[in-house]
C-alpha atoms as a PDB file:
ATOM      1  CA  MET A   1       0.151   0.144   0.257  1.00  0.00           C
ATOM      2  CA  ILE A   2       2.735   2.367   0.528  1.00  0.00           C
ATOM      3  CA  LEU A   3       4.260   2.132  -3.183  1.00  0.00           C
ATOM      4  CA  ALA A   4       0.506   4.114  -4.008  1.00  0.00           C
ATOM      5  CA  LEU A   5       2.001   7.182  -2.193  1.00  0.00           C
ATOM      6  CA  VAL A   6       5.339   7.531  -3.905  1.00  0.00           C
ATOM      7  CA  THR A   7       4.760   5.943  -8.001  1.00  0.00           C
ATOM      8  CA  ASP A   8       3.895   8.207 -10.634  1.00  0.00           C
ATOM      9  CA  GLY A   9       0.078   8.331 -10.149  1.00  0.00           C
ATOM     10  CA  SER A  10       0.382   9.246  -6.601  1.00  0.00           C
ATOM     11  CA  PRO A  11      -2.124  11.649  -5.492  1.00  0.00           C
ATOM     12  CA  ALA A  12       0.670  13.119  -2.847  1.00  0.00           C
ATOM     13  CA  LYS A  13       3.039  13.484  -5.878  1.00  0.00           C
ATOM     14  CA  ALA A  14       0.357  14.857  -8.316  1.00  0.00           C
ATOM     15  CA  ALA A  15      -0.656  17.424  -5.589  1.00  0.00           C
ATOM     16  CA  VAL A  16       2.719  18.699  -5.084  1.00  0.00           C
ATOM     17  CA  THR A  17       3.303  19.057  -8.917  1.00  0.00           C
ATOM     18  CA  GLY A  18       0.071  20.940  -9.429  1.00  0.00           C
ATOM     19  CA  LEU A  19       1.178  23.132  -6.810  1.00  0.00           C
ATOM     20  CA  VAL A  20       4.618  23.889  -8.186  1.00  0.00           C
ATOM     21  CA  SER A  21       3.403  24.294 -11.877  1.00  0.00           C
ATOM     22  CA  GLY A  22       0.623  26.142 -10.872  1.00  0.00           C
ATOM     23  CA  SER A  23       2.274  29.154  -9.065  1.00  0.00           C
ATOM     24  CA  LEU A  24       4.934  29.353 -11.877  1.00  0.00           C
ATOM     25  CA  THR A  25       1.952  28.972 -15.028  1.00  0.00           C
ATOM     26  CA  GLY A  26      -1.274  30.601 -12.814  1.00  0.00           C
ATOM     27  CA  ALA A  27      -3.473  27.769 -14.198  1.00  0.00           C
ATOM     28  CA  VAL A  28      -5.138  24.682 -12.004  1.00  0.00           C
ATOM     29  CA  ARG A  29      -5.005  21.306 -13.162  1.00  0.00           C
ATOM     30  CA  VAL A  30      -7.187  18.512 -11.306  1.00  0.00           C
ATOM     31  CA  PRO A  31      -5.578  15.399 -11.302  1.00  0.00           C
ATOM     32  CA  LEU A  32      -8.143  13.241 -11.880  1.00  0.00           C
ATOM     33  CA  VAL A  33      -6.208   9.691 -12.397  1.00  0.00           C
ATOM     34  CA  PRO A  34      -4.490  10.029  -8.996  1.00  0.00           C
ATOM     35  CA  LEU A  35      -7.934  10.710  -7.424  1.00  0.00           C
ATOM     36  CA  ALA A  36      -9.564   7.618  -8.992  1.00  0.00           C
ATOM     37  CA  GLY A  37      -6.197   5.636  -7.995  1.00  0.00           C
ATOM     38  CA  ALA A  38      -6.710   7.058  -4.274  1.00  0.00           C
ATOM     39  CA  VAL A  39     -10.294   6.219  -4.468  1.00  0.00           C
ATOM     40  CA  ALA A  40      -9.685   2.722  -5.534  1.00  0.00           C
ATOM     41  CA  VAL A  41      -7.133   1.886  -2.957  1.00  0.00           C
ATOM     42  CA  ALA A  42      -9.408   3.305  -0.174  1.00  0.00           C
ATOM     43  CA  VAL A  43     -12.273   1.059  -1.435  1.00  0.00           C
ATOM     44  CA  VAL A  44      -9.877  -1.809  -1.124  1.00  0.00           C
ATOM     45  CA  VAL A  45      -8.732  -1.471   2.283  1.00  0.00           C
ATOM     46  CA  ALA A  46     -12.061  -0.790   3.343  1.00  0.00           C
ATOM     47  CA  ALA A  47     -13.377  -3.830   1.973  1.00  0.00           C
ATOM     48  CA  LEU A  48     -10.350  -5.841   3.187  1.00  0.00           C
ATOM     49  CA  THR A  49     -10.803  -4.344   6.768  1.00  0.00           C
ATOM     50  CA  SER A  50     -14.550  -5.122   6.788  1.00  0.00           C
ATOM     51  CA  ARG A  51     -13.469  -8.533   5.655  1.00  0.00           C
ATOM     52  CA  VAL A  52     -11.043  -9.112   8.370  1.00  0.00           C
ATOM     53  CA  ALA A  53     -13.567  -7.581  10.938  1.00  0.00           C
ATOM     54  CA  ALA A  54     -16.331 -10.197   9.993  1.00  0.00           C
ATOM     55  CA  LEU A  55     -14.174 -13.548  10.111  1.00  0.00           C
ATOM     56  CA  ARG A  56     -12.735 -12.197  14.168  1.00  0.00           C
ATOM     57  CA  ALA A  57     -16.258 -11.282  15.176  1.00  0.00           C
END
């Protein structure tokens, strides 16, 4: 899961890149692909967590 934070499509890297390029050009770009990746990772983690919790109960 930690690789999702440091790869090319990571939301954190896209946010920093957007801040830097936006400050240089004055235009804001919305990173939709990294956002979709973050949502997908969150859904997988939530599903695994609820599955493990159901098995332990």
